[in-house]
Protein backbone atom coordinates (compact mmCIF):
# COMPACT_ATOMS: atom_id res chain seq x y z
CA ASP A 1 10.77 0.34 -8.35
CA HIS A 2 9.11 0.59 -4.91
CA PHE A 3 5.56 -0.95 -5.31
CA GLU A 4 5.26 -4.54 -6.64
CA ALA A 5 2.39 -6.56 -7.61
CA CYS A 6 2.64 -10.07 -7.58
CA GLY A 7 1.04 -13.54 -7.04
CA ILE A 8 -1.54 -14.85 -9.10
CA GLU A 9 -4.33 -13.19 -10.59
CA CYS A 10 -7.28 -14.76 -8.72
CA SER A 11 -5.15 -13.75 -5.50
CA PRO A 12 -2.64 -10.78 -5.97
CA ALA A 13 -0.53 -9.47 -3.64
CA TYR A 14 1.62 -6.33 -3.26
CA VAL A 15 5.04 -5.44 -1.61
CA CYS A 16 5.87 -1.92 -1.00
CA ARG A 17 9.76 -1.81 -0.95
CA GLY A 18 12.15 0.88 0.69
CA GLU A 19 15.05 2.72 -0.78
CA ASP A 20 17.16 -0.62 0.04
CA GLY A 21 14.94 -2.85 -2.09
CA GLU A 22 13.73 -4.58 0.89
CA PRO A 23 9.86 -4.76 2.32
CA SER A 24 9.09 -1.50 3.95
CA ALA A 25 6.66 -1.50 6.82
CA GLU A 26 6.53 2.31 6.89
CA LEU A 27 5.88 2.40 2.95
CA ARG A 28 3.26 -0.12 3.34
CA THR A 29 1.51 1.56 6.31
CA LEU A 30 1.66 5.12 4.51
CA PHE A 31 -0.01 3.18 1.38
CA ASN A 32 -2.70 1.66 3.39
CA GLN A 33 -3.28 4.99 5.50
CA GLU A 34 -3.74 6.77 2.27
CA MET A 35 -6.09 4.35 0.77
CA ILE A 36 -8.20 4.42 3.79
CA LYS A 37 -8.27 7.94 3.65
CA ARG A 38 -10.11 7.50 0.06
CA GLY A 39 -12.47 4.99 1.41
CA ILE A 40 -10.64 1.90 0.09
CA LEU A 41 -9.71 -0.81 2.78
CA MET A 42 -6.74 -2.68 0.93
CA PRO A 43 -4.52 -4.51 3.52
CA TYR A 44 -4.36 -7.25 0.61
CA THR A 45 -6.32 -7.80 -2.63
CA ALA A 46 -9.26 -9.92 -2.78
CA PRO A 47 -11.08 -9.39 -6.12
CA SER A 48 -14.31 -10.95 -6.95
CA PHE A 49 -17.44 -10.76 -9.25
CA ALA A 50 -19.20 -8.59 -6.53
CA HIS A 51 -16.46 -5.84 -7.55
CA ASP A 52 -18.29 -3.89 -10.03
CA ASP A 53 -16.87 -1.50 -12.53
CA ASP A 54 -17.26 1.45 -10.25
CA ALA A 55 -15.29 -0.20 -7.63
CA VAL A 56 -12.82 -0.98 -9.70
CA SER A 57 -12.41 2.35 -11.06
CA ARG A 58 -12.45 3.89 -7.50
CA THR A 59 -9.75 1.48 -6.21
CA ILE A 60 -7.46 2.42 -9.30
CA ALA A 61 -7.99 6.09 -8.51
CA ALA A 62 -7.35 5.58 -5.02
CA ALA A 63 -4.27 3.59 -5.63
CA GLU A 64 -2.77 6.29 -8.17
CA GLU A 65 -3.31 9.21 -5.47
CA SER A 66 -1.84 6.92 -2.65
CA LEU A 67 1.04 5.97 -4.67
CA VAL A 68 1.81 9.94 -5.49
CA VAL A 69 1.66 10.40 -1.49
CA CYS A 70 4.20 7.44 -1.26
CA ALA A 71 6.53 8.95 -3.69
CA ARG A 72 6.32 12.17 -2.04
CA SER A 73 7.39 10.72 1.56
CA MET A 74 10.61 9.02 -0.30
CA VAL A 75 12.27 12.52 -1.30
CA PRO A 76 15.40 12.44 0.77
CA GLY A 77 15.01 14.66 3.94
CA GLY A 78 11.00 14.84 3.28
CA PRO A 79 8.65 15.15 6.11
CA SER A 80 7.05 11.78 7.39
CA LEU A 81 3.50 11.33 6.29
CA LEU A 82 2.40 8.61 8.35
CA ASP A 83 -0.25 9.79 10.87
CA GLY A 84 0.89 7.26 13.34
CA PRO A 85 3.51 4.41 13.70
CA PRO A 86 4.06 1.92 11.19
CA THR A 87 2.48 -1.54 11.49
CA LYS A 88 4.36 -4.60 12.66
CA PRO A 89 4.23 -7.87 11.11
CA VAL A 90 1.99 -10.24 12.69
CA PHE A 91 4.48 -13.10 12.61
CA ARG A 92 7.96 -12.03 13.48
CA LYS A 93 11.07 -13.63 14.99
CA PHE A 94 11.38 -11.32 18.00
CA ASN A 95 8.97 -8.95 19.68
């Protein structure tokens, strides 16, 4: 309910949504943080033929583990699992 893969197959995207269904910078930051902890830098997806079966398997495993952490963070009254502040969008109406 809170993580959506979208876009076209050759250039997929993902959206992390909060409890209100709106995009969540906090949840996206947490997901990226956890992916980086597992050795995967994935602010967006860019699949290519350079990604072998091992790279794909490692990415899937890291995503599964990271999503478990994200789910834990959404428990009402649960602790913040972010190591820092959430990222801000590059393009925004007001600073």
